[in-house]
Amino acid sequence: MMRPRPDRHWGQHFLNDQTVIESIIAFADITLNEVVLEIGPGPGVLTDALLAAGAQVIAIERDPRFEVPLHQSFDATDRFTLVRGDAIRVDWVDSGLIDKQFRVIANIPYSITTPLLEKFLTSPAPTQAILMIQDDVARRLLAGPASSDRGALSVIMQESFSIKIIRTVPSSAFTPPPKVQSAVVMFLPKYRVPVEFGQFLKNCFRHRRKFLLSNLKIAYQAADWPSIFTKEHIQSTVRPQDLSNEQWRSLFFCLESTRRTNSVRARTV
């Protein structure tokens, strides 16, 4: 059966290395009939391996060229469901994931990595994700304090998930080969962080070259940040990437405390 060719418009790089696929399946240790959400199945090579391992696969594919080939390949099993659409825009509740435990296992288009990870922070959320992403993005997600690679997404993901690089994957494992090395990364949820914490981090990292204190004074004028920095033993010259996760939690707690105090004062006036 003829398969559509990879389309640069969709950022498609199809995984074709069977040893890599086998390593993903081995690490996943899939149990019979467990629900797996696959994003961007394309020609269905990983899909086939997931079904062979016993998974119940819900696949979201936005490229209409693959709709017929995927149905032809997998409709014979009652453990395959195809959802047409953009995985970022599609409501996962409507995709049959409501009230179900599920994992995400996918070779995703690299252009959707950040919005997809942010979607993991909302409901319904996977119990685990195993994703093929760019190796440099994986390194940024794991970047610690004082690293130039550290950003808002690094902190929010480290707070929300245990993150582990399972293996790196050379560009030769894909058709066409991407210009970057890839990595298979596991995300295991720790706890759900407040949405407000994510927005707080984005505001603080918006001007990375500025001192953090300057960013906070601009974004959150109600708080006495110089006093807070002194209390938290944070130097006034630190930049956003310099803080530890613990320090970020403390600053966010101080901001929330200030907001609650101001709200009480406003109600009593």
Protein backbone atom coordinates (compact mmCIF):
# COMPACT_ATOMS: atom_id res chain seq x y z
CA MET A 1 0.00 0.00 0.00
CA MET A 2 1.38 3.42 -1.00
CA ARG A 3 2.07 5.78 1.88
CA PRO A 4 2.04 9.59 1.61
CA ARG A 5 5.46 11.17 1.62
CA PRO A 6 6.61 13.30 4.56
CA ASP A 7 5.47 16.90 4.19
CA ARG A 8 7.64 19.74 5.50
CA HIS A 9 4.49 21.80 6.01
CA TRP A 10 3.50 19.40 8.79
CA GLY A 11 7.05 19.08 10.16
CA GLN A 12 6.99 15.36 9.45
CA HIS A 13 9.99 13.13 10.16
CA PHE A 14 8.83 9.52 10.21
CA LEU A 15 10.57 7.14 12.59
CA ASN A 16 11.83 4.16 10.58
CA ASP A 17 14.42 2.53 12.86
CA GLN A 18 12.91 -0.68 14.23
CA THR A 19 15.46 -0.94 17.03
CA VAL A 20 14.41 2.47 18.36
CA ILE A 21 10.74 1.49 18.16
CA GLU A 22 11.48 -1.74 20.00
CA SER A 23 13.33 0.14 22.74
CA ILE A 24 10.35 2.48 23.21
CA ILE A 25 7.94 -0.44 23.47
CA ALA A 26 10.25 -2.31 25.87
CA PHE A 27 10.56 0.71 28.16
CA ALA A 28 6.81 1.38 28.05
CA ASP A 29 6.02 -2.16 29.25
CA ILE A 30 2.44 -1.92 27.98
CA THR A 31 -0.27 -3.98 29.63
CA LEU A 32 -3.11 -5.57 27.66
CA ASN A 33 -5.86 -3.10 26.70
CA GLU A 34 -4.32 -0.12 28.46
CA VAL A 35 -5.18 3.16 26.74
CA VAL A 36 -2.38 4.88 24.83
CA LEU A 37 -2.80 8.25 23.12
CA GLU A 38 -0.56 8.57 20.07
CA ILE A 39 -0.08 12.00 18.53
CA GLY A 40 0.86 12.22 14.87
CA PRO A 41 0.87 8.52 13.91
CA GLY A 42 1.66 9.33 10.26
CA PRO A 43 2.23 6.04 8.41
CA GLY A 44 1.50 4.07 11.59
CA VAL A 45 4.83 2.34 12.24
CA LEU A 46 4.76 3.10 15.96
CA THR A 47 1.00 2.52 15.99
CA ASP A 48 1.53 -1.01 14.73
CA ALA A 49 4.06 -1.71 17.50
CA LEU A 50 1.75 -0.28 20.18
CA LEU A 51 -1.16 -2.45 19.02
CA ALA A 52 1.09 -5.51 18.83
CA ALA A 53 2.07 -4.88 22.46
CA GLY A 54 -1.62 -4.99 23.44
CA ALA A 55 -2.45 -1.28 23.76
CA GLN A 56 -5.79 0.29 23.01
CA VAL A 57 -4.61 3.14 20.76
CA ILE A 58 -6.36 6.47 20.31
CA ALA A 59 -4.43 8.24 17.53
CA ILE A 60 -4.79 11.94 16.71
CA GLU A 61 -3.67 12.84 13.17
CA ARG A 62 -4.14 16.22 11.52
CA ASP A 63 -2.76 15.34 8.06
CA PRO A 64 -5.82 14.22 6.02
CA ARG A 65 -3.62 12.18 3.66
CA PHE A 66 -3.16 9.51 6.34
CA GLU A 67 -6.80 9.04 7.25
CA VAL A 68 -7.55 6.33 4.67
CA PRO A 69 -4.22 4.45 5.02
CA LEU A 70 -4.53 4.34 8.81
CA HIS A 71 -8.10 3.06 8.64
CA GLN A 72 -7.07 0.45 6.08
CA SER A 73 -4.19 -0.71 8.24
CA PHE A 74 -5.83 -0.85 11.65
CA ASP A 75 -9.62 -0.90 11.42
CA ALA A 76 -9.52 -4.70 11.59
CA THR A 77 -8.77 -4.40 15.30
CA ASP A 78 -11.25 -2.98 17.80
CA ARG A 79 -8.35 -1.49 19.78
CA PHE A 80 -7.72 1.36 17.32
CA THR A 81 -9.50 4.71 17.17
CA LEU A 82 -8.50 7.52 14.80
CA VAL A 83 -9.29 11.14 15.65
CA ARG A 84 -8.79 13.67 12.88
CA GLY A 85 -7.53 17.04 14.03
CA ASP A 86 -4.81 19.06 15.71
CA ALA A 87 -3.82 17.42 19.00
CA ILE A 88 -3.31 20.84 20.59
CA ARG A 89 -6.75 22.12 19.62
CA VAL A 90 -8.72 18.89 19.95
CA ASP A 91 -10.51 18.48 23.27
CA TRP A 92 -9.09 15.25 24.65
CA VAL A 93 -12.32 14.71 26.57
CA ASP A 94 -14.14 14.43 23.24
CA SER A 95 -11.48 11.98 22.05
CA GLY A 96 -12.69 9.34 24.48
CA LEU A 97 -10.20 10.03 27.28
CA ILE A 98 -12.61 11.29 29.92
CA ASP A 99 -12.59 9.21 33.11
CA LYS A 100 -9.83 7.01 31.67
CA GLN A 101 -6.26 6.55 32.73
CA PHE A 102 -4.04 6.87 29.70
CA ARG A 103 -0.46 7.33 28.64
CA VAL A 104 0.90 9.35 25.73
CA ILE A 105 3.47 7.53 23.60
CA ALA A 106 4.39 9.35 20.41
CA ASN A 107 6.92 10.61 17.92
CA ILE A 108 5.51 14.13 17.86
CA PRO A 109 6.04 16.94 15.35
CA TYR A 110 8.74 18.98 17.05
CA SER A 111 6.92 22.26 16.37
CA ILE A 112 4.21 21.34 18.91
CA THR A 113 6.51 20.25 21.75
CA THR A 114 5.96 23.28 24.00
CA PRO A 115 2.16 23.60 23.58
CA LEU A 116 1.78 19.85 23.99
CA LEU A 117 3.75 19.81 27.25
CA GLU A 118 1.67 22.74 28.48
CA LYS A 119 -1.47 20.77 27.62
CA PHE A 120 -0.23 18.00 29.92
CA LEU A 121 -0.72 20.47 32.77
CA THR A 122 -4.49 20.55 32.23
CA SER A 123 -7.20 17.91 32.51
CA PRO A 124 -7.44 15.19 31.34
CA ALA A 125 -3.73 14.62 31.89
CA PRO A 126 -1.75 11.44 31.14
CA THR A 127 -0.42 9.20 33.88
CA GLN A 128 2.85 9.09 31.92
CA ALA A 129 4.23 10.34 28.62
CA ILE A 130 7.01 8.89 26.48
CA LEU A 131 7.84 11.34 23.72
CA MET A 132 10.34 11.66 20.92
CA ILE A 133 11.48 15.29 21.03
CA GLN A 134 14.52 17.30 20.00
CA ASP A 135 17.55 16.47 22.12
CA ASP A 136 18.35 20.12 22.79
CA VAL A 137 14.77 20.70 24.00
CA ALA A 138 15.12 17.73 26.36
CA ARG A 139 18.32 19.26 27.75
CA ARG A 140 16.56 22.60 28.26
CA LEU A 141 13.74 20.89 30.16
CA LEU A 142 16.32 19.42 32.55
CA ALA A 143 18.43 22.59 32.84
CA GLY A 144 19.25 23.59 36.41
CA PRO A 145 19.92 26.96 38.05
CA ALA A 146 22.49 29.23 36.37
CA SER A 147 22.19 27.40 33.05
CA SER A 148 21.59 29.57 29.99
CA ASP A 149 19.22 26.84 28.77
CA ARG A 150 16.91 27.30 31.75
CA GLY A 151 13.55 28.92 31.11
CA ALA A 152 10.00 29.11 32.40
CA LEU A 153 9.13 25.77 30.82
CA SER A 154 12.13 24.14 32.54
CA VAL A 155 10.86 25.16 35.96
CA ILE A 156 7.18 24.39 35.42
CA MET A 157 7.91 20.97 33.94
CA GLN A 158 10.43 20.08 36.66
CA GLU A 159 7.87 21.05 39.28
CA SER A 160 5.12 19.05 37.57
CA PHE A 161 7.00 15.96 36.33
CA SER A 162 9.90 13.67 36.94
CA ILE A 163 11.77 13.88 33.63
CA LYS A 164 14.18 11.27 32.31
CA ILE A 165 15.98 10.95 28.99
CA ILE A 166 15.62 7.29 28.02
CA ARG A 167 17.88 7.40 24.99
CA THR A 168 19.16 9.66 22.25
CA VAL A 169 18.23 8.96 18.64
CA PRO A 170 20.34 9.89 15.58
CA SER A 171 18.80 11.72 12.65
CA SER A 172 19.37 8.63 10.48
CA ALA A 173 16.49 6.93 12.32
CA PHE A 174 13.99 9.17 10.50
CA THR A 175 12.70 9.80 7.01
CA PRO A 176 13.64 12.48 6.08
CA PRO A 177 16.49 12.90 8.56
CA PRO A 178 16.02 16.02 10.73
CA LYS A 179 18.91 18.42 11.15
CA VAL A 180 19.03 17.77 14.89
CA GLN A 181 19.53 14.79 17.16
CA SER A 182 16.44 13.54 18.97
CA ALA A 183 15.74 12.00 22.35
CA VAL A 184 13.11 9.71 23.82
CA VAL A 185 11.98 11.33 27.06
CA MET A 186 9.76 10.05 29.86
CA PHE A 187 7.51 12.39 31.85
CA LEU A 188 6.01 11.08 35.09
CA PRO A 189 3.56 13.44 36.87
CA LYS A 190 4.44 14.51 40.41
CA TYR A 191 1.64 16.95 41.25
CA ARG A 192 -0.55 19.55 39.57
CA VAL A 193 0.85 23.05 39.95
CA PRO A 194 -1.46 26.10 39.88
CA VAL A 195 -2.05 27.71 36.50
CA GLU A 196 -1.09 31.02 38.11
CA PHE A 197 2.38 29.66 38.88
CA GLY A 198 2.99 29.00 35.18
CA GLN A 199 1.90 32.53 34.25
CA PHE A 200 4.09 33.93 37.03
CA LEU A 201 7.12 32.14 35.57
CA LYS A 202 6.37 33.32 32.04
CA ASN A 203 6.19 36.92 33.24
CA CYS A 204 9.47 36.57 35.10
CA PHE A 205 11.32 35.02 32.14
CA ARG A 206 9.86 37.42 29.58
CA HIS A 207 12.98 39.62 29.72
CA ARG A 208 15.75 37.11 30.38
CA ARG A 209 18.59 39.64 30.17
CA LYS A 210 17.11 41.88 32.81
CA PHE A 211 17.56 41.37 36.50
CA LEU A 212 14.71 39.35 37.97
CA LEU A 213 13.97 42.10 40.46
CA SER A 214 13.31 44.54 37.60
CA ASN A 215 10.93 42.09 35.90
CA LEU A 216 8.99 41.54 39.13
CA LYS A 217 8.68 45.24 39.87
CA ILE A 218 7.16 45.77 36.41
CA ALA A 219 4.83 42.76 36.40
CA TYR A 220 3.70 42.77 40.04
CA GLN A 221 3.88 46.27 41.46
CA ALA A 222 1.80 45.56 44.55
CA ALA A 223 4.50 43.49 46.25
CA ASP A 224 7.50 44.90 48.08
CA TRP A 225 10.04 42.88 46.12
CA PRO A 226 13.26 44.40 47.57
CA SER A 227 12.09 43.40 51.05
CA ILE A 228 11.03 39.96 49.83
CA PHE A 229 14.42 39.40 48.18
CA THR A 230 16.17 40.33 51.43
CA LYS A 231 13.94 38.01 53.43
CA GLU A 232 14.49 35.13 50.97
CA HIS A 233 18.29 35.77 50.82
CA ILE A 234 18.14 36.42 47.06
CA GLN A 235 20.57 38.93 45.58
CA SER A 236 19.07 41.86 43.70
CA THR A 237 21.29 41.15 40.69
CA VAL A 238 20.11 37.60 39.93
CA ARG A 239 18.57 36.85 36.56
CA PRO A 240 15.55 34.56 36.10
CA GLN A 241 17.61 31.52 35.07
CA ASP A 242 19.71 31.72 38.27
CA LEU A 243 17.01 30.71 40.76
CA SER A 244 16.37 27.19 42.05
CA ASN A 245 12.92 25.62 41.96
CA GLU A 246 12.65 26.10 45.73
CA GLN A 247 13.33 29.81 45.37
CA TRP A 248 10.69 30.10 42.65
CA ARG A 249 8.13 28.44 44.91
CA SER A 250 9.01 30.83 47.72
CA LEU A 251 8.66 33.91 45.51
CA PHE A 252 5.31 32.70 44.18
CA PHE A 253 4.13 32.05 47.75
CA CYS A 254 5.15 35.60 48.70
CA LEU A 255 3.21 37.01 45.76
CA GLU A 256 0.10 35.00 46.63
CA SER A 257 0.41 36.05 50.27
CA THR A 258 0.61 39.71 49.22
CA ARG A 259 -2.46 39.31 47.03
CA ARG A 260 -4.47 37.72 49.84
CA THR A 261 -3.44 40.46 52.28
CA ASN A 262 -4.36 43.21 49.82
CA SER A 263 -7.69 41.51 49.10
CA VAL A 264 -8.56 41.36 52.80
CA ARG A 265 -7.64 45.02 53.25
CA ALA A 266 -9.79 45.98 50.26
CA ARG A 267 -12.81 44.20 51.74
CA THR A 268 -12.41 45.80 55.15
CA VAL A 269 -12.08 49.36 53.86
